Amino acid sequence: MALTDLEIRNLKARPTGRYEIFDSKVPGFAIRVSPSGVKSFVLMYRAMGRLRRLTVGRYPVISLLEARRLAGLALNRLNHGVDPQQEKCESVRRGGMM
């Protein structure tokens, strides 16, 4: 099922740990809810045989629509042989922002 803003707003923290709700529109894209109630958009993917997680942004600072767009761009980079998580880390090391 596709994520909606209403569904994301209504997600509650679980004291037992973090959990993800996946979106049907973008493969690997999800909203992650922490025990503290913080909601972050993430993209789960495989690069060089390893499961990777890219944090796209925090909800509601980034909208669902913008997070989907950014996840799509990351998947496009992955399809062109670039690991978006590694790219993000290198950008931070250089002092830039992704």
PDB file of N, CA and C in Angstrom:
ATOM      1  N   MET A   1       0.835  -1.172   0.000  1.00  0.00           N
ATOM      2  CA  MET A   1       0.000   0.000   0.000  1.00  0.00           C
ATOM      3  C   MET A   1       0.889   1.248   0.000  1.00  0.00           C
ATOM      4  N   ALA A   2       0.458   2.270  -0.666  1.00  0.00           N
ATOM      5  CA  ALA A   2       1.220   3.510  -0.739  1.00  0.00           C
ATOM      6  C   ALA A   2       1.073   4.295   0.561  1.00  0.00           C
ATOM      7  N   LEU A   3       2.188   4.837   1.033  1.00  0.00           N
ATOM      8  CA  LEU A   3       2.153   5.688   2.216  1.00  0.00           C
ATOM      9  C   LEU A   3       1.369   6.959   1.926  1.00  0.00           C
ATOM     10  N   THR A   4       0.711   7.481   2.954  1.00  0.00           N
ATOM     11  CA  THR A   4       0.009   8.764   2.844  1.00  0.00           C
ATOM     12  C   THR A   4       0.437   9.638   4.017  1.00  0.00           C
ATOM     13  N   ASP A   5       0.257  10.955   3.873  1.00  0.00           N
ATOM     14  CA  ASP A   5       0.580  11.866   4.966  1.00  0.00           C
ATOM     15  C   ASP A   5      -0.245  11.550   6.209  1.00  0.00           C
ATOM     16  N   LEU A   6      -1.509  11.238   6.021  1.00  0.00           N
ATOM     17  CA  LEU A   6      -2.370  10.928   7.159  1.00  0.00           C
ATOM     18  C   LEU A   6      -1.864   9.694   7.900  1.00  0.00           C
ATOM     19  N   GLU A   7      -1.496   8.657   7.155  1.00  0.00           N
ATOM     20  CA  GLU A   7      -0.983   7.441   7.778  1.00  0.00           C
ATOM     21  C   GLU A   7       0.302   7.732   8.552  1.00  0.00           C
ATOM     22  N   ILE A   8       1.195   8.519   7.972  1.00  0.00           N
ATOM     23  CA  ILE A   8       2.462   8.841   8.632  1.00  0.00           C
ATOM     24  C   ILE A   8       2.219   9.649   9.905  1.00  0.00           C
ATOM     25  N   ARG A   9       1.334  10.637   9.837  1.00  0.00           N
ATOM     26  CA  ARG A   9       1.021  11.431  11.030  1.00  0.00           C
ATOM     27  C   ARG A   9       0.488  10.569  12.167  1.00  0.00           C
ATOM     28  N   ASN A  10      -0.252   9.526  11.830  1.00  0.00           N
ATOM     29  CA  ASN A  10      -0.888   8.678  12.839  1.00  0.00           C
ATOM     30  C   ASN A  10       0.008   7.555  13.367  1.00  0.00           C
ATOM     31  N   LEU A  11       1.204   7.388  12.829  1.00  0.00           N
ATOM     32  CA  LEU A  11       2.111   6.355  13.324  1.00  0.00           C
ATOM     33  C   LEU A  11       2.584   6.711  14.722  1.00  0.00           C
ATOM     34  N   LYS A  12       2.606   5.734  15.586  1.00  0.00           N
ATOM     35  CA  LYS A  12       3.004   5.929  16.984  1.00  0.00           C
ATOM     36  C   LYS A  12       4.295   5.176  17.278  1.00  0.00           C
ATOM     37  N   ALA A  13       5.054   5.720  18.215  1.00  0.00           N
ATOM     38  CA  ALA A  13       6.286   5.062  18.656  1.00  0.00           C
ATOM     39  C   ALA A  13       5.938   3.772  19.380  1.00  0.00           C
ATOM     40  N   ARG A  14       6.838   2.820  19.280  1.00  0.00           N
ATOM     41  CA  ARG A  14       6.712   1.549  20.011  1.00  0.00           C
ATOM     42  C   ARG A  14       7.881   1.456  20.973  1.00  0.00           C
ATOM     43  N   PRO A  15       7.602   1.212  22.249  1.00  0.00           N
ATOM     44  CA  PRO A  15       8.703   1.143  23.216  1.00  0.00           C
ATOM     45  C   PRO A  15       9.653  -0.028  22.968  1.00  0.00           C
ATOM     46  N   THR A  16       9.227  -0.990  22.156  1.00  0.00           N
ATOM     47  CA  THR A  16      10.061  -2.170  21.898  1.00  0.00           C
ATOM     48  C   THR A  16      11.127  -1.932  20.844  1.00  0.00           C
ATOM     49  N   GLY A  17      11.091  -0.809  20.161  1.00  0.00           N
ATOM     50  CA  GLY A  17      12.136  -0.526  19.174  1.00  0.00           C
ATOM     51  C   GLY A  17      11.625   0.155  17.930  1.00  0.00           C
ATOM     52  N   ARG A  18      12.562   0.402  17.028  1.00  0.00           N
ATOM     53  CA  ARG A  18      12.248   1.056  15.758  1.00  0.00           C
ATOM     54  C   ARG A  18      11.494   0.094  14.847  1.00  0.00           C
ATOM     55  N   TYR A  19      10.726   0.689  13.935  1.00  0.00           N
ATOM     56  CA  TYR A  19      10.062  -0.121  12.923  1.00  0.00           C
ATOM     57  C   TYR A  19       9.901   0.705  11.649  1.00  0.00           C
ATOM     58  N   GLU A  20       9.733   0.012  10.536  1.00  0.00           N
ATOM     59  CA  GLU A  20       9.564   0.652   9.239  1.00  0.00           C
ATOM     60  C   GLU A  20       8.237   0.230   8.619  1.00  0.00           C
ATOM     61  N   ILE A  21       7.624   1.168   7.911  1.00  0.00           N
ATOM     62  CA  ILE A  21       6.449   0.901   7.090  1.00  0.00           C
ATOM     63  C   ILE A  21       6.871   1.235   5.656  1.00  0.00           C
ATOM     64  N   PHE A  22       6.806   0.234   4.783  1.00  0.00           N
ATOM     65  CA  PHE A  22       7.279   0.415   3.407  1.00  0.00           C
ATOM     66  C   PHE A  22       6.187   0.948   2.490  1.00  0.00           C
ATOM     67  N   ASP A  23       6.631   1.681   1.503  1.00  0.00           N
ATOM     68  CA  ASP A  23       5.780   2.319   0.504  1.00  0.00           C
ATOM     69  C   ASP A  23       5.715   1.434  -0.733  1.00  0.00           C
ATOM     70  N   SER A  24       4.562   1.357  -1.354  1.00  0.00           N
ATOM     71  CA  SER A  24       4.438   0.537  -2.562  1.00  0.00           C
ATOM     72  C   SER A  24       4.813   1.298  -3.837  1.00  0.00           C
ATOM     73  N   LYS A  25       4.977   2.609  -3.759  1.00  0.00           N
ATOM     74  CA  LYS A  25       5.280   3.394  -4.963  1.00  0.00           C
ATOM     75  C   LYS A  25       6.752   3.401  -5.346  1.00  0.00           C
ATOM     76  N   VAL A  26       7.631   3.369  -4.347  1.00  0.00           N
ATOM     77  CA  VAL A  26       9.072   3.409  -4.610  1.00  0.00           C
ATOM     78  C   VAL A  26       9.705   2.196  -3.927  1.00  0.00           C
ATOM     79  N   PRO A  27      10.353   1.319  -4.679  1.00  0.00           N
ATOM     80  CA  PRO A  27      10.940   0.110  -4.086  1.00  0.00           C
ATOM     81  C   PRO A  27      11.967   0.448  -3.005  1.00  0.00           C
ATOM     82  N   GLY A  28      11.816  -0.174  -1.838  1.00  0.00           N
ATOM     83  CA  GLY A  28      12.765   0.011  -0.755  1.00  0.00           C
ATOM     84  C   GLY A  28      12.557   1.261   0.084  1.00  0.00           C
ATOM     85  N   PHE A  29      11.602   2.101  -0.285  1.00  0.00           N
ATOM     86  CA  PHE A  29      11.353   3.360   0.419  1.00  0.00           C
ATOM     87  C   PHE A  29      10.401   3.119   1.588  1.00  0.00           C
ATOM     88  N   ALA A  30      10.736   3.711   2.746  1.00  0.00           N
ATOM     89  CA  ALA A  30       9.926   3.483   3.951  1.00  0.00           C
ATOM     90  C   ALA A  30       9.975   4.687   4.872  1.00  0.00           C
ATOM     91  N   ILE A  31       9.060   4.695   5.821  1.00  0.00           N
ATOM     92  CA  ILE A  31       9.122   5.633   6.940  1.00  0.00           C
ATOM     93  C   ILE A  31       9.555   4.820   8.150  1.00  0.00           C
ATOM     94  N   ARG A  32      10.538   5.321   8.865  1.00  0.00           N
ATOM     95  CA  ARG A  32      11.074   4.627  10.044  1.00  0.00           C
ATOM     96  C   ARG A  32      10.676   5.414  11.280  1.00  0.00           C
ATOM     97  N   VAL A  33      10.099   4.720  12.250  1.00  0.00           N
ATOM     98  CA  VAL A  33       9.648   5.355  13.482  1.00  0.00           C
ATOM     99  C   VAL A  33      10.503   4.843  14.637  1.00  0.00           C
ATOM    100  N   SER A  34      11.123   5.771  15.364  1.00  0.00           N
ATOM    101  CA  SER A  34      11.986   5.392  16.491  1.00  0.00           C
ATOM    102  C   SER A  34      11.166   5.344  17.779  1.00  0.00           C
ATOM    103  N   PRO A  35      11.699   4.721  18.819  1.00  0.00           N
ATOM    104  CA  PRO A  35      10.991   4.670  20.103  1.00  0.00           C
ATOM    105  C   PRO A  35      10.681   6.057  20.677  1.00  0.00           C
ATOM    106  N   SER A  36      11.470   7.064  20.291  1.00  0.00           N
ATOM    107  CA  SER A  36      11.228   8.427  20.766  1.00  0.00           C
ATOM    108  C   SER A  36      10.133   9.135  19.968  1.00  0.00           C
ATOM    109  N   GLY A  37       9.678   8.500  18.880  1.00  0.00           N
ATOM    110  CA  GLY A  37       8.636   9.091  18.047  1.00  0.00           C
ATOM    111  C   GLY A  37       9.150   9.826  16.821  1.00  0.00           C
ATOM    112  N   VAL A  38      10.472   9.914  16.663  1.00  0.00           N
ATOM    113  CA  VAL A  38      11.049  10.566  15.487  1.00  0.00           C
ATOM    114  C   VAL A  38      10.744   9.719  14.259  1.00  0.00           C
ATOM    115  N   LYS A  39      10.290  10.389  13.196  1.00  0.00           N
ATOM    116  CA  LYS A  39       9.945   9.707  11.942  1.00  0.00           C
ATOM    117  C   LYS A  39      10.909  10.168  10.857  1.00  0.00           C
ATOM    118  N   SER A  40      11.557   9.208  10.217  1.00  0.00           N
ATOM    119  CA  SER A  40      12.522   9.514   9.162  1.00  0.00           C
ATOM    120  C   SER A  40      12.226   8.672   7.939  1.00  0.00           C
ATOM    121  N   PHE A  41      12.399   9.273   6.774  1.00  0.00           N
ATOM    122  CA  PHE A  41      12.274   8.533   5.522  1.00  0.00           C
ATOM    123  C   PHE A  41      13.596   7.837   5.253  1.00  0.00           C
ATOM    124  N   VAL A  42      13.530   6.567   4.868  1.00  0.00           N
ATOM    125  CA  VAL A  42      14.725   5.794   4.567  1.00  0.00           C
ATOM    126  C   VAL A  42      14.543   5.047   3.246  1.00  0.00           C
ATOM    127  N   LEU A  43      15.670   4.706   2.651  1.00  0.00           N
ATOM    128  CA  LEU A  43      15.677   3.888   1.445  1.00  0.00           C
ATOM    129  C   LEU A  43      16.575   2.694   1.723  1.00  0.00           C
ATOM    130  N   MET A  44      16.018   1.493   1.620  1.00  0.00           N
ATOM    131  CA  MET A  44      16.769   0.262   1.808  1.00  0.00           C
ATOM    132  C   MET A  44      17.102  -0.293   0.415  1.00  0.00           C
ATOM    133  N   TYR A  45      18.359  -0.672   0.219  1.00  0.00           N
ATOM    134  CA  TYR A  45      18.779  -1.180  -1.081  1.00  0.00           C
ATOM    135  C   TYR A  45      20.008  -2.048  -0.899  1.00  0.00           C
ATOM    136  N   ARG A  46      20.424  -2.721  -1.946  1.00  0.00           N
ATOM    137  CA  ARG A  46      21.640  -3.533  -1.923  1.00  0.00           C
ATOM    138  C   ARG A  46      22.668  -2.902  -2.855  1.00  0.00           C
ATOM    139  N   ALA A  47      23.896  -2.837  -2.347  1.00  0.00           N
ATOM    140  CA  ALA A  47      25.026  -2.368  -3.144  1.00  0.00           C
ATOM    141  C   ALA A  47      26.187  -3.300  -2.874  1.00  0.00           C
ATOM    142  N   MET A  48      26.758  -3.840  -3.913  1.00  0.00           N
ATOM    143  CA  MET A  48      27.876  -4.784  -3.818  1.00  0.00           C
ATOM    144  C   MET A  48      27.547  -5.916  -2.848  1.00  0.00           C
ATOM    145  N   GLY A  49      26.308  -6.396  -2.898  1.00  0.00           N
ATOM    146  CA  GLY A  49      25.885  -7.524  -2.099  1.00  0.00           C
ATOM    147  C   GLY A  49      25.544  -7.205  -0.654  1.00  0.00           C
ATOM    148  N   ARG A  50      25.680  -5.958  -0.249  1.00  0.00           N
ATOM    149  CA  ARG A  50      25.399  -5.558   1.136  1.00  0.00           C
ATOM    150  C   ARG A  50      24.084  -4.791   1.214  1.00  0.00           C
ATOM    151  N   LEU A  51      23.314  -5.071   2.248  1.00  0.00           N
ATOM    152  CA  LEU A  51      22.106  -4.307   2.504  1.00  0.00           C
ATOM    153  C   LEU A  51      22.515  -2.951   3.058  1.00  0.00           C
ATOM    154  N   ARG A  52      21.997  -1.896   2.463  1.00  0.00           N
ATOM    155  CA  ARG A  52      22.332  -0.531   2.857  1.00  0.00           C
ATOM    156  C   ARG A  52      21.051   0.226   3.191  1.00  0.00           C
ATOM    157  N   ARG A  53      21.193   1.244   4.044  1.00  0.00           N
ATOM    158  CA  ARG A  53      20.063   2.110   4.377  1.00  0.00           C
ATOM    159  C   ARG A  53      20.513   3.553   4.235  1.00  0.00           C
ATOM    160  N   LEU A  54      19.800   4.306   3.433  1.00  0.00           N
ATOM    161  CA  LEU A  54      20.062   5.725   3.241  1.00  0.00           C
ATOM    162  C   LEU A  54      18.949   6.503   3.922  1.00  0.00           C
ATOM    163  N   THR A  55      19.303   7.366   4.872  1.00  0.00           N
ATOM    164  CA  THR A  55      18.302   8.235   5.475  1.00  0.00           C
ATOM    165  C   THR A  55      18.077   9.404   4.529  1.00  0.00           C
ATOM    166  N   VAL A  56      16.846   9.530   4.057  1.00  0.00           N
ATOM    167  CA  VAL A  56      16.494  10.559   3.085  1.00  0.00           C
ATOM    168  C   VAL A  56      16.206  11.880   3.792  1.00  0.00           C
ATOM    169  N   GLY A  57      15.534  11.823   4.925  1.00  0.00           N
ATOM    170  CA  GLY A  57      15.208  13.039   5.665  1.00  0.00           C
ATOM    171  C   GLY A  57      14.190  12.769   6.745  1.00  0.00           C
ATOM    172  N   ARG A  58      14.008  13.734   7.605  1.00  0.00           N
ATOM    173  CA  ARG A  58      13.089  13.609   8.734  1.00  0.00           C
ATOM    174  C   ARG A  58      11.726  14.192   8.379  1.00  0.00           C
ATOM    175  N   TYR A  59      10.688  13.460   8.783  1.00  0.00           N
ATOM    176  CA  TYR A  59       9.315  13.925   8.611  1.00  0.00           C
ATOM    177  C   TYR A  59       8.944  14.735   9.842  1.00  0.00           C
ATOM    178  N   PRO A  60       8.292  15.870   9.735  1.00  0.00           N
ATOM    179  CA  PRO A  60       7.696  16.521   8.568  1.00  0.00           C
ATOM    180  C   PRO A  60       8.583  17.573   7.915  1.00  0.00           C
ATOM    181  N   VAL A  61       9.871  17.651   8.305  1.00  0.00           N
ATOM    182  CA  VAL A  61      10.763  18.627   7.686  1.00  0.00           C
ATOM    183  C   VAL A  61      10.773  18.430   6.169  1.00  0.00           C
ATOM    184  N   ILE A  62      10.826  17.179   5.754  1.00  0.00           N
ATOM    185  CA  ILE A  62      10.727  16.826   4.330  1.00  0.00           C
ATOM    186  C   ILE A  62       9.370  16.164   4.119  1.00  0.00           C
ATOM    187  N   SER A  63       8.670  16.617   3.106  1.00  0.00           N
ATOM    188  CA  SER A  63       7.347  16.054   2.814  1.00  0.00           C
ATOM    189  C   SER A  63       7.478  14.662   2.204  1.00  0.00           C
ATOM    190  N   LEU A  64       6.399  13.928   2.253  1.00  0.00           N
ATOM    191  CA  LEU A  64       6.354  12.599   1.636  1.00  0.00           C
ATOM    192  C   LEU A  64       6.676  12.694   0.151  1.00  0.00           C
ATOM    193  N   LEU A  65       6.121  13.669  -0.530  1.00  0.00           N
ATOM    194  CA  LEU A  65       6.354  13.836  -1.971  1.00  0.00           C
ATOM    195  C   LEU A  65       7.834  14.094  -2.260  1.00  0.00           C
ATOM    196  N   GLU A  66       8.456  14.993  -1.488  1.00  0.00           N
ATOM    197  CA  GLU A  66       9.875  15.304  -1.685  1.00  0.00           C
ATOM    198  C   GLU A  66      10.749  14.104  -1.341  1.00  0.00           C
ATOM    199  N   ALA A  67      10.400  13.380  -0.283  1.00  0.00           N
ATOM    200  CA  ALA A  67      11.181  12.198   0.107  1.00  0.00           C
ATOM    201  C   ALA A  67      11.115  11.130  -0.982  1.00  0.00           C
ATOM    202  N   ARG A  68       9.946  10.933  -1.573  1.00  0.00           N
ATOM    203  CA  ARG A  68       9.837   9.975  -2.690  1.00  0.00           C
ATOM    204  C   ARG A  68      10.711  10.403  -3.855  1.00  0.00           C
ATOM    205  N   ARG A  69      10.719  11.700  -4.150  1.00  0.00           N
ATOM    206  CA  ARG A  69      11.528  12.215  -5.260  1.00  0.00           C
ATOM    207  C   ARG A  69      13.017  11.969  -4.977  1.00  0.00           C
ATOM    208  N   LEU A  70      13.455  12.261  -3.755  1.00  0.00           N
ATOM    209  CA  LEU A  70      14.862  12.056  -3.399  1.00  0.00           C
ATOM    210  C   LEU A  70      15.235  10.573  -3.418  1.00  0.00           C
ATOM    211  N   ALA A  71      14.330   9.723  -2.968  1.00  0.00           N
ATOM    212  CA  ALA A  71      14.579   8.274  -3.008  1.00  0.00           C
ATOM    213  C   ALA A  71      14.697   7.806  -4.460  1.00  0.00           C
ATOM    214  N   GLY A  72      13.857   8.330  -5.323  1.00  0.00           N
ATOM    215  CA  GLY A  72      13.934   7.985  -6.742  1.00  0.00           C
ATOM    216  C   GLY A  72      15.252   8.403  -7.365  1.00  0.00           C
ATOM    217  N   LEU A  73      15.736   9.586  -6.983  1.00  0.00           N
ATOM    218  CA  LEU A  73      17.038  10.045  -7.476  1.00  0.00           C
ATOM    219  C   LEU A  73      18.166   9.134  -6.980  1.00  0.00           C
ATOM    220  N   ALA A  74      18.080   8.716  -5.729  1.00  0.00           N
ATOM    221  CA  ALA A  74      19.087   7.811  -5.173  1.00  0.00           C
ATOM    222  C   ALA A  74      19.074   6.479  -5.907  1.00  0.00           C
ATOM    223  N   LEU A  75      17.883   5.955  -6.196  1.00  0.00           N
ATOM    224  CA  LEU A  75      17.791   4.694  -6.944  1.00  0.00           C
ATOM    225  C   LEU A  75      18.350   4.857  -8.355  1.00  0.00           C
ATOM    226  N   ASN A  76      18.149   6.008  -8.944  1.00  0.00           N
ATOM    227  CA  ASN A  76      18.705   6.278 -10.276  1.00  0.00           C
ATOM    228  C   ASN A  76      20.231   6.266 -10.217  1.00  0.00           C
ATOM    229  N   ARG A  77      20.819   6.893  -9.182  1.00  0.00           N
ATOM    230  CA  ARG A  77      22.281   6.868  -9.030  1.00  0.00           C
ATOM    231  C   ARG A  77      22.768   5.428  -8.838  1.00  0.00           C
ATOM    232  N   LEU A  78      22.009   4.651  -8.058  1.00  0.00           N
ATOM    233  CA  LEU A  78      22.364   3.244  -7.840  1.00  0.00           C
ATOM    234  C   LEU A  78      22.363   2.483  -9.161  1.00  0.00           C
ATOM    235  N   ASN A  79      21.385   2.737 -10.005  1.00  0.00           N
ATOM    236  CA  ASN A  79      21.308   2.084 -11.318  1.00  0.00           C
ATOM    237  C   ASN A  79      22.477   2.472 -12.224  1.00  0.00           C
ATOM    238  N   HIS A  80      23.123   3.590 -11.910  1.00  0.00           N
ATOM    239  CA  HIS A  80      24.290   4.025 -12.678  1.00  0.00           C
ATOM    240  C   HIS A  80      25.602   3.676 -11.973  1.00  0.00           C
ATOM    241  N   GLY A  81      25.535   2.746 -11.003  1.00  0.00           N
ATOM    242  CA  GLY A  81      26.742   2.239 -10.372  1.00  0.00           C
ATOM    243  C   GLY A  81      27.266   3.048  -9.200  1.00  0.00           C
ATOM    244  N   VAL A  82      26.482   4.004  -8.712  1.00  0.00           N
ATOM    245  CA  VAL A  82      26.917   4.832  -7.593  1.00  0.00           C
ATOM    246  C   VAL A  82      26.121   4.434  -6.351  1.00  0.00           C
ATOM    247  N   ASP A  83      26.827   4.147  -5.256  1.00  0.00           N
ATOM    248  CA  ASP A  83      26.179   3.826  -3.989  1.00  0.00           C
ATOM    249  C   ASP A  83      25.782   5.154  -3.333  1.00  0.00           C
ATOM    250  N   PRO A  84      24.482   5.449  -3.222  1.00  0.00           N
ATOM    251  CA  PRO A  84      24.070   6.749  -2.681  1.00  0.00           C
ATOM    252  C   PRO A  84      24.489   6.972  -1.225  1.00  0.00           C
ATOM    253  N   GLN A  85      24.564   5.925  -0.416  1.00  0.00           N
ATOM    254  CA  GLN A  85      25.000   6.086   0.972  1.00  0.00           C
ATOM    255  C   GLN A  85      26.474   6.456   1.023  1.00  0.00           C
ATOM    256  N   GLN A  86      27.277   5.796   0.219  1.00  0.00           N
ATOM    257  CA  GLN A  86      28.702   6.108   0.170  1.00  0.00           C
ATOM    258  C   GLN A  86      28.904   7.532  -0.353  1.00  0.00           C
ATOM    259  N   GLU A  87      28.134   7.904  -1.349  1.00  0.00           N
ATOM    260  CA  GLU A  87      28.209   9.243  -1.914  1.00  0.00           C
ATOM    261  C   GLU A  87      27.865  10.293  -0.843  1.00  0.00           C
ATOM    262  N   LYS A  88      26.845  10.015  -0.035  1.00  0.00           N
ATOM    263  CA  LYS A  88      26.439  10.927   1.036  1.00  0.00           C
ATOM    264  C   LYS A  88      27.562  11.061   2.066  1.00  0.00           C
ATOM    265  N   CYS A  89      28.164   9.945   2.459  1.00  0.00           N
ATOM    266  CA  CYS A  89      29.250   9.968   3.437  1.00  0.00           C
ATOM    267  C   CYS A  89      30.448  10.765   2.915  1.00  0.00           C
ATOM    268  N   GLU A  90      30.788  10.582   1.662  1.00  0.00           N
ATOM    269  CA  GLU A  90      31.920  11.312   1.072  1.00  0.00           C
ATOM    270  C   GLU A  90      31.629  12.803   1.003  1.00  0.00           C
ATOM    271  N   SER A  91      30.383  13.154   0.721  1.00  0.00           N
ATOM    272  CA  SER A  91      29.980  14.550   0.670  1.00  0.00           C
ATOM    273  C   SER A  91      30.103  15.203   2.042  1.00  0.00           C
ATOM    274  N   VAL A  92      29.695  14.488   3.085  1.00  0.00           N
ATOM    275  CA  VAL A  92      29.790  15.002   4.457  1.00  0.00           C
ATOM    276  C   VAL A  92      31.260  15.168   4.841  1.00  0.00           C
ATOM    277  N   ARG A  93      32.093  14.196   4.471  1.00  0.00           N
ATOM    278  CA  ARG A  93      33.534  14.298   4.786  1.00  0.00           C
ATOM    279  C   ARG A  93      34.166  15.508   4.131  1.00  0.00           C
ATOM    280  N   ARG A  94      33.681  15.867   2.945  1.00  0.00           N
ATOM    281  CA  ARG A  94      34.220  17.038   2.236  1.00  0.00           C
ATOM    282  C   ARG A  94      33.639  18.344   2.768  1.00  0.00           C
ATOM    283  N   GLY A  95      32.676  18.233   3.680  1.00  0.00           N
ATOM    284  CA  GLY A  95      32.102  19.443   4.262  1.00  0.00           C
ATOM    285  C   GLY A  95      30.849  19.925   3.548  1.00  0.00           C
ATOM    286  N   GLY A  96      30.368  19.146   2.592  1.00  0.00           N
ATOM    287  CA  GLY A  96      29.158  19.526   1.872  1.00  0.00           C
ATOM    288  C   GLY A  96      27.945  18.836   2.451  1.00  0.00           C
ATOM    289  N   MET A  97      26.824  19.112   1.844  1.00  0.00           N
ATOM    290  CA  MET A  97      25.584  18.456   2.249  1.00  0.00           C
ATOM    291  C   MET A  97      25.007  17.754   1.044  1.00  0.00           C
ATOM    292  N   MET A  98      24.283  16.688   1.289  1.00  0.00           N
ATOM    293  CA  MET A  98      23.661  15.921   0.204  1.00  0.00           C
ATOM    294  C   MET A  98      22.348  16.544  -0.139  1.00  0.00           C
TER     295      MET A  98
END
